[in-house]
Amino acid sequence: MAEAKGLMKPVKLKNELAEFLGATELSRTEITKKLWDYVKANKLQTKTENGKPENAGKFIVADASLLPIFKNTKSKSKSGNVTDLTNLKEGQTINMMQMAAVVGANIE
């Protein structure tokens, strides 16, 4: 069987994410899927920035479980956009497009 590469290659998770997902290594695609499964199961999506959870929309509400994972995120994309969630508070939201930055900030 061929070795997994790219997004399918297992990566080591930082502590907060490892505790949340119950694993020390997963592929980026598995991490993203498990985070989305949690968001959907707990109805943590909203249509408005910092809105109340309504189980739909492009914003993700940070609950007590997601907050430590989100707060690890401070990165700069190749296009120069900065994603800094270090001051995020419980109940505030992130844009779903920031999920890649969150995953990237929580792996070694």
Protein backbone atom coordinates (compact mmCIF):
# COMPACT_ATOMS: atom_id res chain seq x y z
CA MET A 1 0.00 0.00 0.00
CA ALA A 2 1.29 3.47 -0.88
CA GLU A 3 2.44 5.84 1.84
CA ALA A 4 -0.05 8.60 2.66
CA LYS A 5 1.02 12.03 1.39
CA GLY A 6 -0.13 15.63 1.60
CA LEU A 7 -3.40 16.17 3.46
CA MET A 8 -3.78 12.42 4.01
CA LYS A 9 -0.42 12.02 5.80
CA PRO A 10 -0.79 11.61 9.59
CA VAL A 11 0.58 14.53 11.60
CA LYS A 12 1.32 14.89 15.32
CA LEU A 13 -1.30 16.88 17.22
CA LYS A 14 -0.53 19.49 19.86
CA ASN A 15 -1.86 18.77 23.36
CA GLU A 16 -5.18 20.66 23.30
CA LEU A 17 -6.25 19.16 19.98
CA ALA A 18 -5.00 15.68 20.92
CA GLU A 19 -7.06 15.74 24.12
CA PHE A 20 -10.13 17.05 22.29
CA LEU A 21 -9.96 14.42 19.51
CA GLY A 22 -8.63 11.58 21.66
CA ALA A 23 -5.71 10.87 19.30
CA THR A 24 -2.08 11.91 19.03
CA GLU A 25 -1.80 11.56 15.23
CA LEU A 26 -4.37 12.08 12.47
CA SER A 27 -4.33 13.37 8.90
CA ARG A 28 -5.37 16.97 8.28
CA THR A 29 -8.52 15.76 6.54
CA GLU A 30 -9.47 13.60 9.55
CA ILE A 31 -8.83 16.50 11.94
CA THR A 32 -11.01 18.85 9.91
CA LYS A 33 -13.78 16.27 9.58
CA LYS A 34 -13.82 15.55 13.32
CA LEU A 35 -13.89 19.28 14.18
CA TRP A 36 -16.79 19.82 11.75
CA ASP A 37 -18.62 16.78 13.15
CA TYR A 38 -18.34 18.35 16.62
CA VAL A 39 -19.49 21.77 15.39
CA LYS A 40 -22.53 20.28 13.65
CA ALA A 41 -23.43 17.87 16.48
CA ASN A 42 -23.37 20.75 18.97
CA LYS A 43 -25.12 23.23 16.64
CA LEU A 44 -22.25 25.71 16.79
CA GLN A 45 -22.78 27.43 13.44
CA THR A 46 -24.33 30.85 12.98
CA LYS A 47 -25.08 33.10 10.02
CA THR A 48 -23.80 36.27 11.69
CA GLU A 49 -20.48 37.16 13.24
CA ASN A 50 -20.70 36.62 17.02
CA GLY A 51 -24.33 35.55 16.60
CA LYS A 52 -26.11 32.91 18.64
CA PRO A 53 -25.71 29.28 17.52
CA GLU A 54 -28.40 28.36 15.00
CA ASN A 55 -26.88 25.27 13.32
CA ALA A 56 -26.34 26.94 9.96
CA GLY A 57 -24.07 29.58 8.50
CA LYS A 58 -20.44 30.36 7.82
CA PHE A 59 -19.40 31.27 11.35
CA ILE A 60 -18.39 28.82 14.10
CA VAL A 61 -19.17 29.68 17.71
CA ALA A 62 -16.32 28.98 20.12
CA ASP A 63 -17.61 26.93 23.04
CA ALA A 64 -15.57 25.94 26.11
CA SER A 65 -14.22 22.83 24.34
CA LEU A 66 -13.16 24.55 21.10
CA LEU A 67 -11.80 27.73 22.68
CA PRO A 68 -8.38 26.31 23.76
CA ILE A 69 -7.87 24.93 20.24
CA PHE A 70 -8.91 28.16 18.51
CA LYS A 71 -6.74 30.29 20.85
CA ASN A 72 -3.59 28.48 19.64
CA THR A 73 -4.07 30.11 16.24
CA LYS A 74 -1.83 32.96 15.15
CA SER A 75 -0.61 32.60 11.59
CA LYS A 76 0.04 34.48 8.37
CA SER A 77 -1.07 33.05 5.03
CA LYS A 78 0.97 33.14 1.82
CA SER A 79 -1.24 36.02 0.67
CA GLY A 80 -0.36 37.99 3.81
CA ASN A 81 -3.65 37.59 5.70
CA VAL A 82 -3.18 37.25 9.45
CA THR A 83 -5.37 34.93 11.51
CA ASP A 84 -4.95 35.78 15.20
CA LEU A 85 -7.44 34.07 17.50
CA THR A 86 -5.32 34.33 20.66
CA ASN A 87 -7.75 36.80 22.29
CA LEU A 88 -10.94 34.96 21.30
CA LYS A 89 -13.53 34.60 24.05
CA GLU A 90 -16.14 31.90 24.58
CA GLY A 91 -19.25 32.66 22.54
CA GLN A 92 -17.35 34.62 19.88
CA THR A 93 -17.09 33.26 16.35
CA ILE A 94 -14.53 32.45 13.70
CA ASN A 95 -15.17 32.38 9.97
CA MET A 96 -15.30 28.83 8.62
CA MET A 97 -12.55 29.78 6.18
CA GLN A 98 -10.20 30.08 9.18
CA MET A 99 -10.51 26.35 9.95
CA ALA A 100 -7.39 25.54 7.90
CA ALA A 101 -5.40 28.03 9.98
CA VAL A 102 -6.77 26.48 13.18
CA VAL A 103 -5.75 22.99 12.06
CA GLY A 104 -2.32 24.21 10.97
CA ALA A 105 -1.72 25.95 14.30
CA ASN A 106 -2.57 22.81 16.28
CA ILE A 107 -0.21 20.33 14.64
CA GLU A 108 3.51 19.88 15.03
